[in-house]
C-alpha atoms as a PDB file:
ATOM      1  CA  MET A   1      21.011  -5.502  46.765  1.00  0.00           C
ATOM      2  CA  ALA A   2      23.309  -8.155  46.104  1.00  0.00           C
ATOM      3  CA  THR A   3      24.352  -9.616  43.090  1.00  0.00           C
ATOM      4  CA  THR A   4      23.649 -13.058  42.390  1.00  0.00           C
ATOM      5  CA  GLY A   5      25.763 -15.001  40.086  1.00  0.00           C
ATOM      6  CA  ALA A   6      29.179 -15.063  41.681  1.00  0.00           C
ATOM      7  CA  HIS A   7      32.512 -14.432  39.950  1.00  0.00           C
ATOM      8  CA  THR A   8      35.411 -17.332  39.810  1.00  0.00           C
ATOM      9  CA  PRO A   9      38.484 -16.034  40.371  1.00  0.00           C
ATOM     10  CA  SER A  10      41.084 -17.392  38.158  1.00  0.00           C
ATOM     11  CA  ASN A  11      44.071 -20.152  39.853  1.00  0.00           C
ATOM     12  CA  ALA A  12      41.266 -21.108  42.069  1.00  0.00           C
ATOM     13  CA  GLY A  13      42.381 -23.005  45.563  1.00  0.00           C
ATOM     14  CA  VAL A  14      45.415 -21.355  45.397  1.00  0.00           C
ATOM     15  CA  GLN A  15      46.985 -19.633  48.581  1.00  0.00           C
ATOM     16  CA  SER A  16      43.758 -19.679  50.234  1.00  0.00           C
ATOM     17  CA  VAL A  17      42.576 -20.297  54.054  1.00  0.00           C
ATOM     18  CA  THR A  18      39.564 -21.928  55.274  1.00  0.00           C
ATOM     19  CA  THR A  19      38.296 -22.825  58.496  1.00  0.00           C
ATOM     20  CA  ARG A  20      34.751 -24.235  59.372  1.00  0.00           C
ATOM     21  CA  ASN A  21      32.716 -23.862  62.443  1.00  0.00           C
ATOM     22  CA  GLY A  22      29.336 -26.098  62.571  1.00  0.00           C
ATOM     23  CA  ALA A  23      27.117 -25.384  59.687  1.00  0.00           C
ATOM     24  CA  TRP A  24      29.420 -22.343  58.704  1.00  0.00           C
ATOM     25  CA  ARG A  25      32.691 -22.647  56.834  1.00  0.00           C
ATOM     26  CA  ILE A  26      34.687 -19.160  56.048  1.00  0.00           C
ATOM     27  CA  THR A  27      37.307 -19.063  53.284  1.00  0.00           C
ATOM     28  CA  THR A  28      39.776 -16.138  52.373  1.00  0.00           C
ATOM     29  CA  ARG A  29      42.322 -15.736  49.511  1.00  0.00           C
ATOM     30  CA  LYS A  30      45.036 -13.223  48.933  1.00  0.00           C
ATOM     31  CA  LEU A  31      47.038 -12.836  45.636  1.00  0.00           C
ATOM     32  CA  PRO A  32      49.250 -10.479  44.736  1.00  0.00           C
ATOM     33  CA  ILE A  33      47.679  -7.540  42.602  1.00  0.00           C
ATOM     34  CA  LEU A  34      46.502  -8.296  38.828  1.00  0.00           C
ATOM     35  CA  LYS A  35      48.781  -8.070  35.949  1.00  0.00           C
ATOM     36  CA  ALA A  36      48.718  -5.848  32.827  1.00  0.00           C
ATOM     37  CA  GLU A  37      46.884  -8.800  30.545  1.00  0.00           C
ATOM     38  CA  PRO A  38      44.422 -10.023  33.628  1.00  0.00           C
ATOM     39  CA  ILE A  39      43.746  -5.800  34.041  1.00  0.00           C
ATOM     40  CA  ASP A  40      42.862  -5.249  30.674  1.00  0.00           C
ATOM     41  CA  ALA A  41      40.378  -8.004  30.080  1.00  0.00           C
ATOM     42  CA  LEU A  42      38.731  -7.073  33.085  1.00  0.00           C
ATOM     43  CA  SER A  43      38.607  -3.176  32.170  1.00  0.00           C
ATOM     44  CA  HIS A  44      36.923  -4.642  28.507  1.00  0.00           C
ATOM     45  CA  GLU A  45      34.624  -7.133  30.415  1.00  0.00           C
ATOM     46  CA  ILE A  46      33.008  -4.179  33.148  1.00  0.00           C
ATOM     47  CA  GLY A  47      33.381  -1.321  30.903  1.00  0.00           C
ATOM     48  CA  ILE A  48      35.849   1.131  33.017  1.00  0.00           C
ATOM     49  CA  PRO A  49      39.302   1.703  33.927  1.00  0.00           C
ATOM     50  CA  ILE A  50      40.650  -0.298  36.644  1.00  0.00           C
ATOM     51  CA  PRO A  51      42.280   1.142  40.344  1.00  0.00           C
ATOM     52  CA  GLU A  52      46.050   1.478  40.575  1.00  0.00           C
ATOM     53  CA  MET A  53      45.714  -1.821  42.819  1.00  0.00           C
ATOM     54  CA  ILE A  54      43.885  -4.598  42.007  1.00  0.00           C
ATOM     55  CA  PHE A  55      43.798  -7.591  43.761  1.00  0.00           C
ATOM     56  CA  GLY A  56      41.560  -9.584  41.018  1.00  0.00           C
ATOM     57  CA  ASP A  57      41.799 -12.769  42.507  1.00  0.00           C
ATOM     58  CA  ASN A  58      41.157 -11.941  46.186  1.00  0.00           C
ATOM     59  CA  TYR A  59      37.905 -12.749  48.068  1.00  0.00           C
ATOM     60  CA  ALA A  60      36.097 -13.525  51.391  1.00  0.00           C
ATOM     61  CA  THR A  61      33.421 -16.376  51.381  1.00  0.00           C
ATOM     62  CA  VAL A  62      30.607 -17.033  54.292  1.00  0.00           C
ATOM     63  CA  GLU A  63      29.361 -20.281  53.395  1.00  0.00           C
ATOM     64  CA  HIS A  64      26.355 -22.508  55.018  1.00  0.00           C
ATOM     65  CA  VAL A  65      27.197 -25.639  54.294  1.00  0.00           C
ATOM     66  CA  PRO A  66      24.309 -28.012  54.478  1.00  0.00           C
ATOM     67  CA  SER A  67      22.325 -25.719  51.801  1.00  0.00           C
ATOM     68  CA  GLY A  68      25.208 -25.001  49.634  1.00  0.00           C
ATOM     69  CA  TRP A  69      24.279 -20.909  50.372  1.00  0.00           C
ATOM     70  CA  SER A  70      27.011 -18.225  50.463  1.00  0.00           C
ATOM     71  CA  LEU A  71      27.771 -14.911  50.345  1.00  0.00           C
ATOM     72  CA  SER A  72      31.562 -14.017  49.095  1.00  0.00           C
ATOM     73  CA  PHE A  73      33.006 -10.588  48.408  1.00  0.00           C
ATOM     74  CA  ASN A  74      35.455 -10.120  45.278  1.00  0.00           C
ATOM     75  CA  SER A  75      36.928  -6.839  43.398  1.00  0.00           C
ATOM     76  CA  ARG A  76      35.342  -7.938  40.037  1.00  0.00           C
ATOM     77  CA  ASP A  77      31.604  -7.427  41.558  1.00  0.00           C
ATOM     78  CA  ALA A  78      32.366  -4.602  43.608  1.00  0.00           C
ATOM     79  CA  LEU A  79      33.785  -2.767  40.214  1.00  0.00           C
ATOM     80  CA  ASP A  80      30.827  -3.496  38.448  1.00  0.00           C
ATOM     81  CA  ARG A  81      28.590  -1.597  40.929  1.00  0.00           C
ATOM     82  CA  VAL A  82      30.649   1.551  40.255  1.00  0.00           C
ATOM     83  CA  SER A  83      28.434   4.407  38.515  1.00  0.00           C
ATOM     84  CA  LYS A  84      28.822   3.895  34.587  1.00  0.00           C
ATOM     85  CA  THR A  85      26.724   7.350  34.188  1.00  0.00           C
ATOM     86  CA  GLU A  86      27.220  10.881  35.211  1.00  0.00           C
ATOM     87  CA  GLU A  87      25.006  10.309  38.017  1.00  0.00           C
ATOM     88  CA  GLY A  88      26.826  10.543  41.070  1.00  0.00           C
ATOM     89  CA  MET A  89      29.636  11.283  39.948  1.00  0.00           C
ATOM     90  CA  LEU A  90      32.397  14.175  41.899  1.00  0.00           C
ATOM     91  CA  GLN A  91      33.092  16.534  39.186  1.00  0.00           C
ATOM     92  CA  VAL A  92      35.731  18.198  40.635  1.00  0.00           C
ATOM     93  CA  ALA A  93      39.058  19.716  39.303  1.00  0.00           C
ATOM     94  CA  VAL A  94      41.340  16.790  40.726  1.00  0.00           C
ATOM     95  CA  ALA A  95      39.075  14.431  37.823  1.00  0.00           C
ATOM     96  CA  GLU A  96      41.180  16.225  35.161  1.00  0.00           C
ATOM     97  CA  ASP A  97      44.158  15.107  37.023  1.00  0.00           C
ATOM     98  CA  TRP A  98      42.706  11.368  37.354  1.00  0.00           C
ATOM     99  CA  LYS A  99      42.723  11.195  33.805  1.00  0.00           C
ATOM    100  CA  LYS A 100      45.901  13.055  32.880  1.00  0.00           C
ATOM    101  CA  ASP A 101      47.370  10.658  35.178  1.00  0.00           C
ATOM    102  CA  ARG A 102      46.192   7.540  33.546  1.00  0.00           C
ATOM    103  CA  GLN A 103      46.672   9.187  29.756  1.00  0.00           C
ATOM    104  CA  GLY A 104      48.120   6.284  27.469  1.00  0.00           C
ATOM    105  CA  ARG A 105      47.223   3.386  29.287  1.00  0.00           C
ATOM    106  CA  GLU A 106      45.414   1.044  27.077  1.00  0.00           C
ATOM    107  CA  GLU A 107      42.409   0.411  28.946  1.00  0.00           C
ATOM    108  CA  VAL A 108      41.622   4.339  29.562  1.00  0.00           C
ATOM    109  CA  LYS A 109      41.774   4.494  25.189  1.00  0.00           C
ATOM    110  CA  GLN A 110      38.836   1.800  25.137  1.00  0.00           C
ATOM    111  CA  VAL A 111      36.749   3.337  27.284  1.00  0.00           C
ATOM    112  CA  VAL A 112      34.268   6.181  26.489  1.00  0.00           C
ATOM    113  CA  LYS A 113      31.711   5.836  28.759  1.00  0.00           C
ATOM    114  CA  PRO A 114      31.823   8.141  31.874  1.00  0.00           C
ATOM    115  CA  PHE A 115      32.171   6.387  35.282  1.00  0.00           C
ATOM    116  CA  ASP A 116      32.356   7.366  38.764  1.00  0.00           C
ATOM    117  CA  TRP A 117      36.137   7.842  38.606  1.00  0.00           C
ATOM    118  CA  SER A 118      36.018   7.732  42.418  1.00  0.00           C
ATOM    119  CA  TYR A 119      35.503   3.967  42.196  1.00  0.00           C
ATOM    120  CA  SER A 120      32.292   4.508  45.074  1.00  0.00           C
ATOM    121  CA  THR A 121      30.335   1.139  44.835  1.00  0.00           C
ATOM    122  CA  ASP A 122      27.725   0.261  46.861  1.00  0.00           C
ATOM    123  CA  TYR A 123      28.205  -3.318  46.795  1.00  0.00           C
ATOM    124  CA  ARG A 124      26.761  -5.801  49.407  1.00  0.00           C
ATOM    125  CA  GLY A 125      28.339  -8.988  48.526  1.00  0.00           C
ATOM    126  CA  THR A 126      27.402 -11.929  46.082  1.00  0.00           C
ATOM    127  CA  THR A 127      25.069 -14.688  46.935  1.00  0.00           C
ATOM    128  CA  GLU A 128      24.707 -17.901  45.485  1.00  0.00           C
ATOM    129  CA  GLY A 129      22.164 -20.466  46.380  1.00  0.00           C
ATOM    130  CA  THR A 130      18.456 -20.812  47.256  1.00  0.00           C
ATOM    131  CA  GLY A 131      16.806 -17.762  49.686  1.00  0.00           C
ATOM    132  CA  ASP A 132      16.329 -13.598  49.380  1.00  0.00           C
ATOM    133  CA  TRP A 133      17.170 -11.337  51.281  1.00  0.00           C
ATOM    134  CA  THR A 134      14.211  -9.638  53.544  1.00  0.00           C
ATOM    135  CA  GLU A 135      14.292  -6.022  54.776  1.00  0.00           C
ATOM    136  CA  THR A 136      13.834  -5.878  58.504  1.00  0.00           C
ATOM    137  CA  THR A 137      14.626  -3.729  61.296  1.00  0.00           C
ATOM    138  CA  GLN A 138      18.021  -3.684  63.563  1.00  0.00           C
ATOM    139  CA  GLU A 139      15.472  -3.750  66.036  1.00  0.00           C
ATOM    140  CA  ARG A 140      13.990  -6.976  65.517  1.00  0.00           C
ATOM    141  CA  ASP A 141      17.266  -9.108  63.493  1.00  0.00           C
ATOM    142  CA  PRO A 142      20.023  -6.611  65.404  1.00  0.00           C
ATOM    143  CA  ILE A 143      23.327  -7.341  65.155  1.00  0.00           C
ATOM    144  CA  ARG A 144      24.660  -8.289  68.407  1.00  0.00           C
ATOM    145  CA  THR A 145      27.799  -5.764  69.135  1.00  0.00           C
ATOM    146  CA  ASP A 146      27.451  -6.741  72.909  1.00  0.00           C
ATOM    147  CA  LEU A 147      28.205 -10.056  72.118  1.00  0.00           C
ATOM    148  CA  LEU A 148      31.112  -9.392  69.796  1.00  0.00           C
ATOM    149  CA  SER A 149      32.561  -7.182  72.558  1.00  0.00           C
ATOM    150  CA  ARG A 150      32.798  -9.780  74.684  1.00  0.00           C
ATOM    151  CA  PRO A 151      36.561 -11.249  75.408  1.00  0.00           C
ATOM    152  CA  ASP A 152      35.640 -14.634  73.073  1.00  0.00           C
ATOM    153  CA  PRO A 153      38.649 -16.587  71.744  1.00  0.00           C
ATOM    154  CA  ILE A 154      39.415 -15.577  68.174  1.00  0.00           C
ATOM    155  CA  LEU A 155      39.467 -18.496  65.966  1.00  0.00           C
ATOM    156  CA  PHE A 156      40.282 -17.279  62.750  1.00  0.00           C
ATOM    157  CA  PHE A 157      40.605 -13.855  61.771  1.00  0.00           C
ATOM    158  CA  ASP A 158      41.895 -12.209  58.219  1.00  0.00           C
ATOM    159  CA  ALA A 159      42.088  -8.617  56.430  1.00  0.00           C
ATOM    160  CA  VAL A 160      41.581  -9.094  52.381  1.00  0.00           C
ATOM    161  CA  ASP A 161      41.942  -5.906  50.157  1.00  0.00           C
ATOM    162  CA  LEU A 162      40.074  -5.632  46.969  1.00  0.00           C
ATOM    163  CA  TYR A 163      41.226  -2.718  45.388  1.00  0.00           C
ATOM    164  CA  GLU A 164      42.465   0.645  46.115  1.00  0.00           C
ATOM    165  CA  ASP A 165      43.661   3.943  44.140  1.00  0.00           C
ATOM    166  CA  GLU A 166      45.100   7.069  45.351  1.00  0.00           C
ATOM    167  CA  LEU A 167      42.882   9.396  42.950  1.00  0.00           C
ATOM    168  CA  ALA A 168      46.098  11.436  41.003  1.00  0.00           C
ATOM    169  CA  ASP A 169      47.539  11.654  44.886  1.00  0.00           C
ATOM    170  CA  ASN A 170      44.480  13.701  45.719  1.00  0.00           C
ATOM    171  CA  GLY A 171      43.409  10.924  48.276  1.00  0.00           C
ATOM    172  CA  ILE A 172      42.293   7.240  48.708  1.00  0.00           C
ATOM    173  CA  ALA A 173      39.788   5.092  47.862  1.00  0.00           C
ATOM    174  CA  LEU A 174      39.814   1.825  49.531  1.00  0.00           C
ATOM    175  CA  LEU A 175      37.787  -1.386  49.283  1.00  0.00           C
ATOM    176  CA  SER A 176      38.580  -4.057  51.965  1.00  0.00           C
ATOM    177  CA  VAL A 177      36.939  -7.130  53.609  1.00  0.00           C
ATOM    178  CA  LYS A 178      37.513  -7.706  57.522  1.00  0.00           C
ATOM    179  CA  ILE A 179      36.434 -11.377  59.022  1.00  0.00           C
ATOM    180  CA  ARG A 180      36.058 -12.584  62.533  1.00  0.00           C
ATOM    181  CA  VAL A 181      35.557 -15.608  63.702  1.00  0.00           C
ATOM    182  CA  MET A 182      34.631 -16.643  67.577  1.00  0.00           C
ATOM    183  CA  PRO A 183      33.232 -20.095  69.574  1.00  0.00           C
ATOM    184  CA  ASP A 184      29.388 -18.967  68.811  1.00  0.00           C
ATOM    185  CA  ARG A 185      29.322 -16.286  66.031  1.00  0.00           C
ATOM    186  CA  LEU A 186      31.276 -14.796  63.650  1.00  0.00           C
ATOM    187  CA  LEU A 187      31.037 -11.084  61.781  1.00  0.00           C
ATOM    188  CA  MET A 188      31.812 -10.252  58.301  1.00  0.00           C
ATOM    189  CA  LEU A 189      32.751  -6.183  57.574  1.00  0.00           C
ATOM    190  CA  SER A 190      33.264  -5.091  53.671  1.00  0.00           C
ATOM    191  CA  ARG A 191      34.215  -1.440  53.541  1.00  0.00           C
ATOM    192  CA  PHE A 192      34.724   1.175  51.218  1.00  0.00           C
ATOM    193  CA  PHE A 193      36.288   4.231  52.281  1.00  0.00           C
ATOM    194  CA  LEU A 194      36.706   7.371  50.506  1.00  0.00           C
ATOM    195  CA  ARG A 195      39.067  10.405  51.138  1.00  0.00           C
ATOM    196  CA  LEU A 196      38.806  12.798  48.334  1.00  0.00           C
ATOM    197  CA  ASP A 197      41.005  16.088  49.824  1.00  0.00           C
ATOM    198  CA  GLY A 198      39.447  19.227  50.001  1.00  0.00           C
ATOM    199  CA  VAL A 199      36.211  17.258  48.718  1.00  0.00           C
ATOM    200  CA  VAL A 200      34.387  14.545  50.702  1.00  0.00           C
ATOM    201  CA  VAL A 201      34.998  11.931  53.052  1.00  0.00           C
ATOM    202  CA  ARG A 202      32.817   8.810  52.256  1.00  0.00           C
ATOM    203  CA  MET A 203      32.354   5.408  54.172  1.00  0.00           C
ATOM    204  CA  ARG A 204      29.794   2.404  52.519  1.00  0.00           C
ATOM    205  CA  ASP A 205      30.110  -0.340  55.139  1.00  0.00           C
ATOM    206  CA  THR A 206      28.485  -3.758  54.757  1.00  0.00           C
ATOM    207  CA  ARG A 207      28.414  -6.209  57.964  1.00  0.00           C
ATOM    208  CA  VAL A 208      27.459  -9.399  58.087  1.00  0.00           C
ATOM    209  CA  TYR A 209      26.874 -11.475  61.083  1.00  0.00           C
ATOM    210  CA  VAL A 210      26.167 -15.143  61.738  1.00  0.00           C
ATOM    211  CA  GLU A 211      25.219 -16.927  65.057  1.00  0.00           C
ATOM    212  CA  HIS A 212      26.867 -20.496  64.608  1.00  0.00           C
ATOM    213  CA  GLY A 213      23.597 -22.234  66.368  1.00  0.00           C
ATOM    214  CA  GLY A 214      21.416 -20.597  64.247  1.00  0.00           C
ATOM    215  CA  LYS A 215      20.350 -20.462  60.192  1.00  0.00           C
ATOM    216  CA  LYS A 216      19.902 -16.773  60.200  1.00  0.00           C
ATOM    217  CA  VAL A 217      22.311 -14.094  58.435  1.00  0.00           C
ATOM    218  CA  ILE A 218      21.718 -10.684  58.966  1.00  0.00           C
ATOM    219  CA  ARG A 219      23.446  -8.183  56.636  1.00  0.00           C
ATOM    220  CA  GLN A 220      23.939  -4.211  57.563  1.00  0.00           C
ATOM    221  CA  TYR A 221      24.464  -1.590  54.989  1.00  0.00           C
ATOM    222  CA  THR A 222      25.226   1.601  55.982  1.00  0.00           C
ATOM    223  CA  ALA A 223      26.620   4.330  53.844  1.00  0.00           C
ATOM    224  CA  LYS A 224      27.985   7.881  55.595  1.00  0.00           C
ATOM    225  CA  GLU A 225      29.521  10.725  54.096  1.00  0.00           C
ATOM    226  CA  ALA A 226      30.748  14.441  55.214  1.00  0.00           C
ATOM    227  CA  ALA A 227      32.555  17.190  53.498  1.00  0.00           C
ATOM    228  CA  TYR A 228      36.096  17.078  54.245  1.00  0.00           C
ATOM    229  CA  GLU A 229      36.640  20.345  55.858  1.00  0.00           C
ATOM    230  CA  GLU A 230      33.377  19.543  58.202  1.00  0.00           C
ATOM    231  CA  VAL A 231      35.539  16.395  59.006  1.00  0.00           C
ATOM    232  CA  LYS A 232      38.949  18.457  59.518  1.00  0.00           C
ATOM    233  CA  GLU A 233      37.029  21.171  61.770  1.00  0.00           C
ATOM    234  CA  LYS A 234      35.791  18.523  63.903  1.00  0.00           C
ATOM    235  CA  LEU A 235      38.671  16.335  64.072  1.00  0.00           C
ATOM    236  CA  ARG A 236      40.360  19.739  65.343  1.00  0.00           C
ATOM    237  CA  ALA A 237      37.729  20.362  67.671  1.00  0.00           C
ATOM    238  CA  ARG A 238      38.579  16.841  69.451  1.00  0.00           C
ATOM    239  CA  GLY A 239      41.968  17.682  69.602  1.00  0.00           C
ATOM    240  CA  LYS A 240      43.143  15.107  66.809  1.00  0.00           C
ATOM    241  CA  HIS A 241      46.269  14.955  64.727  1.00  0.00           C
ATOM    242  CA  VAL A 242      44.321  15.741  61.528  1.00  0.00           C
ATOM    243  CA  THR A 243      46.558  14.271  58.786  1.00  0.00           C
ATOM    244  CA  GLU A 244      47.112  11.476  60.580  1.00  0.00           C
ATOM    245  CA  ALA A 245      43.241  10.769  61.728  1.00  0.00           C
ATOM    246  CA  LEU A 246      41.863  11.332  57.822  1.00  0.00           C
ATOM    247  CA  ARG A 247      43.943   8.285  56.860  1.00  0.00           C
ATOM    248  CA  ASP A 248      42.367   6.235  59.513  1.00  0.00           C
ATOM    249  CA  ALA A 249      38.657   5.068  58.601  1.00  0.00           C
ATOM    250  CA  ASN A 250      37.755   4.237  62.294  1.00  0.00           C
ATOM    251  CA  LYS A 251      38.510   7.595  63.399  1.00  0.00           C
ATOM    252  CA  VAL A 252      36.326   9.136  60.686  1.00  0.00           C
ATOM    253  CA  ALA A 253      33.526   7.058  61.007  1.00  0.00           C
ATOM    254  CA  PRO A 254      31.823   8.729  64.293  1.00  0.00           C
ATOM    255  CA  LEU A 255      32.152  12.406  62.412  1.00  0.00           C
ATOM    256  CA  LEU A 256      30.389  10.940  59.350  1.00  0.00           C
ATOM    257  CA  GLY A 257      26.352  11.572  58.091  1.00  0.00           C
ATOM    258  CA  ILE A 258      24.496   8.701  57.608  1.00  0.00           C
ATOM    259  CA  VAL A 259      23.107   8.791  53.786  1.00  0.00           C
ATOM    260  CA  THR A 260      21.538   4.844  53.664  1.00  0.00           C
ATOM    261  CA  ASP A 261      21.148   2.340  56.550  1.00  0.00           C
ATOM    262  CA  VAL A 262      19.427  -1.103  55.840  1.00  0.00           C
ATOM    263  CA  THR A 263      19.049  -4.090  57.559  1.00  0.00           C
ATOM    264  CA  GLU A 264      18.306  -7.561  55.778  1.00  0.00           C
ATOM    265  CA  VAL A 265      17.837 -11.264  56.968  1.00  0.00           C
ATOM    266  CA  ILE A 266      18.174 -14.409  55.462  1.00  0.00           C
ATOM    267  CA  GLU A 267      17.322 -18.084  56.815  1.00  0.00           C
ATOM    268  CA  MET A 268      18.585 -21.008  55.934  1.00  0.00           C
ATOM    269  CA  GLY A 269      16.065 -23.735  54.679  1.00  0.00           C
END
C-alpha cells in the first residue's frame, strides 16, 4: 500500500518543472546524485546501505489542486519499502561480491541488519491528503490504453531516475518514473527493473491514470518476474539479440510471469 506522510527532499523548489491541466498539477524535479554526507544520513535513517547512484532530491508528483491531495514518487520512501529481513532476499553467490564491493564504506559498517541487497521495492507512491485507496477491478476501473494510444499531442513529458545499482557488476537494479500529460488525461509509470545475471529478471510497475475532467485516480500495481535463463531462451526463440534485449525493460516485460496485479481507485471530494 502507499505510504503516507511524504518525505520532503532538500533544496525544495530547485530545478523543478511544473505543469497544470485543469484541476491537476504535475511537478517533477531532477538533481545530481547525492553526495557523501546526505548519503550517510539517509542510510542511517532508513537502516540499509544506499544504492551506488541515489537521486535523493528527485521526485515526480501529481496533485489535485482543489483538494490538496497528491501522489508522489521519491527515492527515500521507495528504499524504505525494501525488505529489511531475510524474507524475500536473493541468497546467491553474487551477494558476497556485493558486500566485498562495499567494504570500507561507512554506511555498510554501521548497518548490521539483513536487507534485500537487490533493492527490490513494492513502493506504489506516497500519498498526502484525505481519502483512501479502494481495491477495485480493471474491468470496472480500467486504465484506458485505447485512449492513451491515440496520437494526441503531448503537453508534457518527463523521466525521473530515483536510484540505480549495478549489483557488483552482476546486473542492474533501477527505479525510475515517467509521466506523460495529454489534453484530456495523464499517465504516470513508476518502474522498478531488476536484472540479476544468471538468477532472475524482475519488474514492478505502478501505473497512475487520471482523466483531467474527472475526480478519479486509478492506480495499477503489477509485479512480474521470471528466471534469468528462461528469459534468455525466450529471447533467443524470438530471434532477439539477447545481451541487448536484457538491458531493455520494455523488451523483456512481455516474457515475465505475473506475480501480483492489484488495481486501486481513489476519488477526490
